[in-house]
Amino acid sequence: MEVQDDEINLIDLWKVIWKRKSLIIALTLSFAILALSVSLNSPKVYEGEAVVALPKVGIGFVETKTITDAMLKELKRGNPVAGFEETLIKKISDVKIEQIKGSDSQFRILVSIKSEPSAAYEVFNKMMAYMQGNEYVKKRIDIEKKTIERNVSETRQTIEMAEKTRTEAVRLMSTRNPVGFNPVD
C-alpha cells in the first residue's frame, strides 16, 4: 500500500510561480491595460440628486410621480417639455423619482447626465418649473387657496362674534346686576 502525501510544499509552489512569472505578469498587465482602456473610452455620466418637499396643498407623492413620469415619457420621446431644449434632452441619461421612506411629502430626484455636470442643476430647475406650471397642480393649489380663504373668513367671523360676546359680558359685569336679573325681585 502506498501512502499519499497531501501536504503542500511551499518551496515547490514558489518554484512553479517563479517559473511562470512572465505569464503572471503578462496577464496582470493585459487586464490592467484592458480596464484602463474601458474606463477611458466609456462615456462620462454625472449624477445629481435633489430632495424635494411637496407643499401642503393636497398633492401627494403618487400624483407628483404621475405628473413627472408623463413629463419624462415626453422627454424620452424627444418632445421638448417645460422649456427643455433639445440639447439638454440629449444630455439626460436617466431620471428616477423615488419617495423617501417614512415621508409622505418628500421625494428624491436622481438625474444621470452625459457630459456636463452642471446640466443636472438645469434639469432640476426645469422639472420644478414644469411642476409649478402644471395645470393640475395649479388647480389643486387654487382649491387649497379657496379653502384657506374660506377658513380665514370663518375664523374672522368667529373672532368678531367672540369680541361682541366679550364686550356684552364686560358691560353686564360692570352693572350691579351681572346676570341681567335680580334674584330678590
C-alpha atoms as a PDB file:
ATOM      1  CA  MET A   1       0.000   0.000   0.000  1.00  0.00           C
ATOM      2  CA  GLU A   2       1.267   3.384  -0.989  1.00  0.00           C
ATOM      3  CA  VAL A   3       0.706   6.394   1.314  1.00  0.00           C
ATOM      4  CA  GLN A   4      -0.247   9.676  -0.423  1.00  0.00           C
ATOM      5  CA  ASP A   5       1.368  12.889   0.670  1.00  0.00           C
ATOM      6  CA  ASP A   6      -1.396  15.549   0.953  1.00  0.00           C
ATOM      7  CA  GLU A   7       0.903  18.229   2.250  1.00  0.00           C
ATOM      8  CA  ILE A   8       1.780  21.263   0.133  1.00  0.00           C
ATOM      9  CA  ASN A   9       5.404  22.075  -0.115  1.00  0.00           C
ATOM     10  CA  LEU A  10       5.797  25.869  -0.228  1.00  0.00           C
ATOM     11  CA  ILE A  11       9.184  25.674  -1.881  1.00  0.00           C
ATOM     12  CA  ASP A  12       7.759  23.644  -4.773  1.00  0.00           C
ATOM     13  CA  LEU A  13       4.849  26.089  -5.080  1.00  0.00           C
ATOM     14  CA  TRP A  14       7.241  29.059  -5.183  1.00  0.00           C
ATOM     15  CA  LYS A  15       9.282  27.336  -7.903  1.00  0.00           C
ATOM     16  CA  VAL A  16       6.151  26.920 -10.067  1.00  0.00           C
ATOM     17  CA  ILE A  17       5.177  30.580  -9.569  1.00  0.00           C
ATOM     18  CA  TRP A  18       8.717  31.758 -10.351  1.00  0.00           C
ATOM     19  CA  LYS A  19       8.828  29.571 -13.437  1.00  0.00           C
ATOM     20  CA  ARG A  20       5.527  31.102 -14.711  1.00  0.00           C
ATOM     21  CA  LYS A  21       6.291  34.671 -13.611  1.00  0.00           C
ATOM     22  CA  SER A  22       6.312  36.029 -17.163  1.00  0.00           C
ATOM     23  CA  LEU A  23       2.826  34.594 -17.794  1.00  0.00           C
ATOM     24  CA  ILE A  24       1.519  36.016 -14.498  1.00  0.00           C
ATOM     25  CA  ILE A  25       2.991  39.461 -15.194  1.00  0.00           C
ATOM     26  CA  ALA A  26       1.698  39.441 -18.796  1.00  0.00           C
ATOM     27  CA  LEU A  27      -1.853  38.528 -17.700  1.00  0.00           C
ATOM     28  CA  THR A  28      -1.853  41.131 -14.925  1.00  0.00           C
ATOM     29  CA  LEU A  29      -0.623  43.874 -17.265  1.00  0.00           C
ATOM     30  CA  SER A  30      -3.034  42.924 -20.048  1.00  0.00           C
ATOM     31  CA  PHE A  31      -6.058  43.057 -17.707  1.00  0.00           C
ATOM     32  CA  ALA A  32      -4.852  46.370 -16.232  1.00  0.00           C
ATOM     33  CA  ILE A  33      -4.491  47.853 -19.730  1.00  0.00           C
ATOM     34  CA  LEU A  34      -7.912  46.489 -20.725  1.00  0.00           C
ATOM     35  CA  ALA A  35      -9.540  48.019 -17.618  1.00  0.00           C
ATOM     36  CA  LEU A  36      -7.812  51.351 -18.259  1.00  0.00           C
ATOM     37  CA  SER A  37      -8.927  51.474 -21.906  1.00  0.00           C
ATOM     38  CA  VAL A  38     -12.533  50.611 -20.977  1.00  0.00           C
ATOM     39  CA  SER A  39     -12.646  53.307 -18.309  1.00  0.00           C
ATOM     40  CA  LEU A  40     -11.108  55.944 -20.595  1.00  0.00           C
ATOM     41  CA  ASN A  41     -13.367  55.098 -23.540  1.00  0.00           C
ATOM     42  CA  SER A  42     -16.639  54.823 -21.634  1.00  0.00           C
ATOM     43  CA  PRO A  43     -18.848  57.923 -21.719  1.00  0.00           C
ATOM     44  CA  LYS A  44     -18.757  60.224 -18.725  1.00  0.00           C
ATOM     45  CA  VAL A  45     -22.004  60.133 -16.755  1.00  0.00           C
ATOM     46  CA  TYR A  46     -22.593  62.552 -13.905  1.00  0.00           C
ATOM     47  CA  GLU A  47     -25.279  62.049 -11.309  1.00  0.00           C
ATOM     48  CA  GLY A  48     -27.147  64.678  -9.386  1.00  0.00           C
ATOM     49  CA  GLU A  49     -29.577  64.220  -6.532  1.00  0.00           C
ATOM     50  CA  ALA A  50     -32.167  66.571  -5.126  1.00  0.00           C
ATOM     51  CA  VAL A  51     -34.606  66.090  -2.277  1.00  0.00           C
ATOM     52  CA  VAL A  52     -37.878  67.904  -2.863  1.00  0.00           C
ATOM     53  CA  ALA A  53     -40.534  68.646  -0.254  1.00  0.00           C
ATOM     54  CA  LEU A  54     -44.075  68.832  -1.584  1.00  0.00           C
ATOM     55  CA  PRO A  55     -46.203  71.761  -0.498  1.00  0.00           C
ATOM     56  CA  LYS A  56     -49.134  71.015   1.781  1.00  0.00           C
ATOM     57  CA  VAL A  57     -51.759  71.545  -0.922  1.00  0.00           C
ATOM     58  CA  GLY A  58     -53.223  68.090  -1.147  1.00  0.00           C
ATOM     59  CA  ILE A  59     -50.827  66.857  -3.819  1.00  0.00           C
ATOM     60  CA  GLY A  60     -49.207  63.609  -2.792  1.00  0.00           C
ATOM     61  CA  PHE A  61     -46.223  61.663  -3.996  1.00  0.00           C
ATOM     62  CA  VAL A  62     -48.299  59.411  -6.264  1.00  0.00           C
ATOM     63  CA  GLU A  63     -49.790  62.403  -8.091  1.00  0.00           C
ATOM     64  CA  THR A  64     -46.381  64.077  -8.323  1.00  0.00           C
ATOM     65  CA  LYS A  65     -44.810  60.898  -9.680  1.00  0.00           C
ATOM     66  CA  THR A  66     -47.601  60.543 -12.252  1.00  0.00           C
ATOM     67  CA  ILE A  67     -47.079  64.116 -13.446  1.00  0.00           C
ATOM     68  CA  THR A  68     -43.296  63.811 -13.622  1.00  0.00           C
ATOM     69  CA  ASP A  69     -43.478  60.375 -15.267  1.00  0.00           C
ATOM     70  CA  ALA A  70     -45.659  61.870 -18.016  1.00  0.00           C
ATOM     71  CA  MET A  71     -43.089  64.636 -18.461  1.00  0.00           C
ATOM     72  CA  LEU A  72     -40.204  62.138 -18.576  1.00  0.00           C
ATOM     73  CA  LYS A  73     -42.059  59.981 -21.117  1.00  0.00           C
ATOM     74  CA  GLU A  74     -42.385  63.004 -23.395  1.00  0.00           C
ATOM     75  CA  LEU A  75     -38.706  63.839 -22.930  1.00  0.00           C
ATOM     76  CA  LYS A  76     -37.667  60.272 -23.807  1.00  0.00           C
ATOM     77  CA  ARG A  77     -39.690  60.576 -26.999  1.00  0.00           C
ATOM     78  CA  GLY A  78     -37.656  63.682 -27.767  1.00  0.00           C
ATOM     79  CA  ASN A  79     -40.539  66.100 -27.308  1.00  0.00           C
ATOM     80  CA  PRO A  80     -39.494  69.383 -25.724  1.00  0.00           C
ATOM     81  CA  VAL A  81     -41.454  69.830 -22.487  1.00  0.00           C
ATOM     82  CA  ALA A  82     -41.371  72.577 -19.865  1.00  0.00           C
ATOM     83  CA  GLY A  83     -38.640  74.568 -21.537  1.00  0.00           C
ATOM     84  CA  PHE A  84     -36.282  71.603 -22.009  1.00  0.00           C
ATOM     85  CA  GLU A  85     -34.170  72.422 -25.041  1.00  0.00           C
ATOM     86  CA  GLU A  86     -33.264  69.617 -27.408  1.00  0.00           C
ATOM     87  CA  THR A  87     -29.593  69.887 -26.440  1.00  0.00           C
ATOM     88  CA  LEU A  88     -30.468  69.386 -22.766  1.00  0.00           C
ATOM     89  CA  ILE A  89     -32.750  66.438 -23.563  1.00  0.00           C
ATOM     90  CA  LYS A  90     -29.880  64.709 -25.371  1.00  0.00           C
ATOM     91  CA  LYS A  91     -27.656  65.068 -22.292  1.00  0.00           C
ATOM     92  CA  ILE A  92     -30.098  63.240 -19.998  1.00  0.00           C
ATOM     93  CA  SER A  93     -29.188  59.578 -19.493  1.00  0.00           C
ATOM     94  CA  ASP A  94     -31.750  58.744 -16.839  1.00  0.00           C
ATOM     95  CA  VAL A  95     -34.108  60.336 -14.335  1.00  0.00           C
ATOM     96  CA  LYS A  96     -35.517  58.477 -11.344  1.00  0.00           C
ATOM     97  CA  ILE A  97     -38.029  59.713  -8.836  1.00  0.00           C
ATOM     98  CA  GLU A  98     -38.460  57.842  -5.586  1.00  0.00           C
ATOM     99  CA  GLN A  99     -40.294  58.513  -2.379  1.00  0.00           C
ATOM    100  CA  ILE A 100     -38.246  58.935   0.756  1.00  0.00           C
ATOM    101  CA  LYS A 101     -39.157  56.186   3.199  1.00  0.00           C
ATOM    102  CA  GLY A 102     -41.279  57.357   6.093  1.00  0.00           C
ATOM    103  CA  SER A 103     -42.271  60.621   4.411  1.00  0.00           C
ATOM    104  CA  ASP A 104     -45.471  61.483   2.582  1.00  0.00           C
ATOM    105  CA  SER A 105     -44.286  64.864   1.385  1.00  0.00           C
ATOM    106  CA  GLN A 106     -40.672  64.345   0.307  1.00  0.00           C
ATOM    107  CA  PHE A 107     -39.162  62.601  -2.665  1.00  0.00           C
ATOM    108  CA  ARG A 108     -35.753  62.226  -4.236  1.00  0.00           C
ATOM    109  CA  ILE A 109     -34.913  63.033  -7.849  1.00  0.00           C
ATOM    110  CA  LEU A 110     -31.862  61.281  -9.281  1.00  0.00           C
ATOM    111  CA  VAL A 111     -30.587  62.600 -12.610  1.00  0.00           C
ATOM    112  CA  SER A 112     -27.866  61.000 -14.726  1.00  0.00           C
ATOM    113  CA  ILE A 113     -26.317  63.379 -17.248  1.00  0.00           C
ATOM    114  CA  LYS A 114     -23.882  62.793 -20.089  1.00  0.00           C
ATOM    115  CA  SER A 115     -21.012  65.253 -20.440  1.00  0.00           C
ATOM    116  CA  GLU A 116     -21.630  68.365 -18.303  1.00  0.00           C
ATOM    117  CA  PRO A 117     -22.214  68.047 -14.551  1.00  0.00           C
ATOM    118  CA  SER A 118     -23.881  71.485 -14.475  1.00  0.00           C
ATOM    119  CA  ALA A 119     -26.664  70.189 -16.722  1.00  0.00           C
ATOM    120  CA  ALA A 120     -28.114  68.220 -13.771  1.00  0.00           C
ATOM    121  CA  TYR A 121     -28.824  71.510 -11.990  1.00  0.00           C
ATOM    122  CA  GLU A 122     -30.580  72.785 -15.101  1.00  0.00           C
ATOM    123  CA  VAL A 123     -32.700  69.613 -15.292  1.00  0.00           C
ATOM    124  CA  PHE A 124     -33.766  70.041 -11.647  1.00  0.00           C
ATOM    125  CA  ASN A 125     -34.783  73.656 -12.283  1.00  0.00           C
ATOM    126  CA  LYS A 126     -36.747  72.752 -15.421  1.00  0.00           C
ATOM    127  CA  MET A 127     -38.549  69.945 -13.599  1.00  0.00           C
ATOM    128  CA  MET A 128     -39.565  72.255 -10.754  1.00  0.00           C
ATOM    129  CA  ALA A 129     -40.744  74.884 -13.254  1.00  0.00           C
ATOM    130  CA  TYR A 130     -42.771  72.198 -15.011  1.00  0.00           C
ATOM    131  CA  MET A 131     -44.389  71.135 -11.741  1.00  0.00           C
ATOM    132  CA  GLN A 132     -45.234  74.721 -10.808  1.00  0.00           C
ATOM    133  CA  GLY A 133     -46.705  75.406 -14.249  1.00  0.00           C
ATOM    134  CA  ASN A 134     -48.686  72.174 -14.473  1.00  0.00           C
ATOM    135  CA  GLU A 135     -52.437  72.821 -14.811  1.00  0.00           C
ATOM    136  CA  TYR A 136     -53.406  70.049 -12.414  1.00  0.00           C
ATOM    137  CA  VAL A 137     -51.058  71.397  -9.749  1.00  0.00           C
ATOM    138  CA  LYS A 138     -52.360  74.936 -10.318  1.00  0.00           C
ATOM    139  CA  LYS A 139     -55.967  73.753  -9.885  1.00  0.00           C
ATOM    140  CA  ARG A 140     -55.112  71.905  -6.678  1.00  0.00           C
ATOM    141  CA  ILE A 141     -53.325  74.990  -5.348  1.00  0.00           C
ATOM    142  CA  ASP A 142     -56.318  77.187  -6.273  1.00  0.00           C
ATOM    143  CA  ILE A 143     -58.700  74.802  -4.500  1.00  0.00           C
ATOM    144  CA  GLU A 144     -56.465  74.811  -1.435  1.00  0.00           C
ATOM    145  CA  LYS A 145     -56.226  78.630  -1.572  1.00  0.00           C
ATOM    146  CA  LYS A 146     -60.014  78.946  -1.645  1.00  0.00           C
ATOM    147  CA  THR A 147     -60.344  76.529   1.249  1.00  0.00           C
ATOM    148  CA  ILE A 148     -57.810  78.510   3.275  1.00  0.00           C
ATOM    149  CA  GLU A 149     -59.501  81.815   2.407  1.00  0.00           C
ATOM    150  CA  ARG A 150     -62.872  80.382   3.477  1.00  0.00           C
ATOM    151  CA  ASN A 151     -61.367  79.131   6.739  1.00  0.00           C
ATOM    152  CA  VAL A 152     -59.787  82.538   7.381  1.00  0.00           C
ATOM    153  CA  SER A 153     -63.128  84.250   6.730  1.00  0.00           C
ATOM    154  CA  GLU A 154     -64.932  81.886   9.103  1.00  0.00           C
ATOM    155  CA  THR A 155     -62.250  82.440  11.726  1.00  0.00           C
ATOM    156  CA  ARG A 156     -62.616  86.226  11.401  1.00  0.00           C
ATOM    157  CA  GLN A 157     -66.388  85.920  11.845  1.00  0.00           C
ATOM    158  CA  THR A 158     -65.877  83.746  14.915  1.00  0.00           C
ATOM    159  CA  ILE A 159     -63.434  86.271  16.359  1.00  0.00           C
ATOM    160  CA  GLU A 160     -65.891  89.132  15.724  1.00  0.00           C
ATOM    161  CA  MET A 161     -68.683  87.191  17.453  1.00  0.00           C
ATOM    162  CA  ALA A 162     -66.370  86.418  20.374  1.00  0.00           C
ATOM    163  CA  GLU A 163     -65.420  90.106  20.616  1.00  0.00           C
ATOM    164  CA  LYS A 164     -69.123  91.109  20.695  1.00  0.00           C
ATOM    165  CA  THR A 165     -69.839  88.474  23.329  1.00  0.00           C
ATOM    166  CA  ARG A 166     -66.886  89.634  25.411  1.00  0.00           C
ATOM    167  CA  THR A 167     -67.968  93.284  25.128  1.00  0.00           C
ATOM    168  CA  GLU A 168     -71.511  92.389  26.191  1.00  0.00           C
ATOM    169  CA  ALA A 169     -70.210  90.285  29.096  1.00  0.00           C
ATOM    170  CA  VAL A 170     -67.972  93.147  30.293  1.00  0.00           C
ATOM    171  CA  ARG A 171     -70.917  95.547  30.074  1.00  0.00           C
ATOM    172  CA  LEU A 172     -73.126  93.226  32.073  1.00  0.00           C
ATOM    173  CA  MET A 173     -70.412  92.570  34.666  1.00  0.00           C
ATOM    174  CA  SER A 174     -69.891  96.295  35.196  1.00  0.00           C
ATOM    175  CA  THR A 175     -73.520  96.835  36.223  1.00  0.00           C
ATOM    176  CA  ARG A 176     -74.842  95.805  39.630  1.00  0.00           C
ATOM    177  CA  ASN A 177     -76.817  93.064  38.052  1.00  0.00           C
ATOM    178  CA  PRO A 178     -74.215  90.802  36.333  1.00  0.00           C
ATOM    179  CA  VAL A 179     -76.623  88.162  35.067  1.00  0.00           C
ATOM    180  CA  GLY A 180     -79.325  90.584  33.937  1.00  0.00           C
ATOM    181  CA  PHE A 181     -81.828  89.888  36.716  1.00  0.00           C
ATOM    182  CA  ASN A 182     -82.107  90.413  40.450  1.00  0.00           C
ATOM    183  CA  PRO A 183     -82.944  87.273  42.433  1.00  0.00           C
ATOM    184  CA  VAL A 184     -84.522  89.347  45.229  1.00  0.00           C
ATOM    185  CA  ASP A 185     -87.144  90.758  42.879  1.00  0.00           C
END
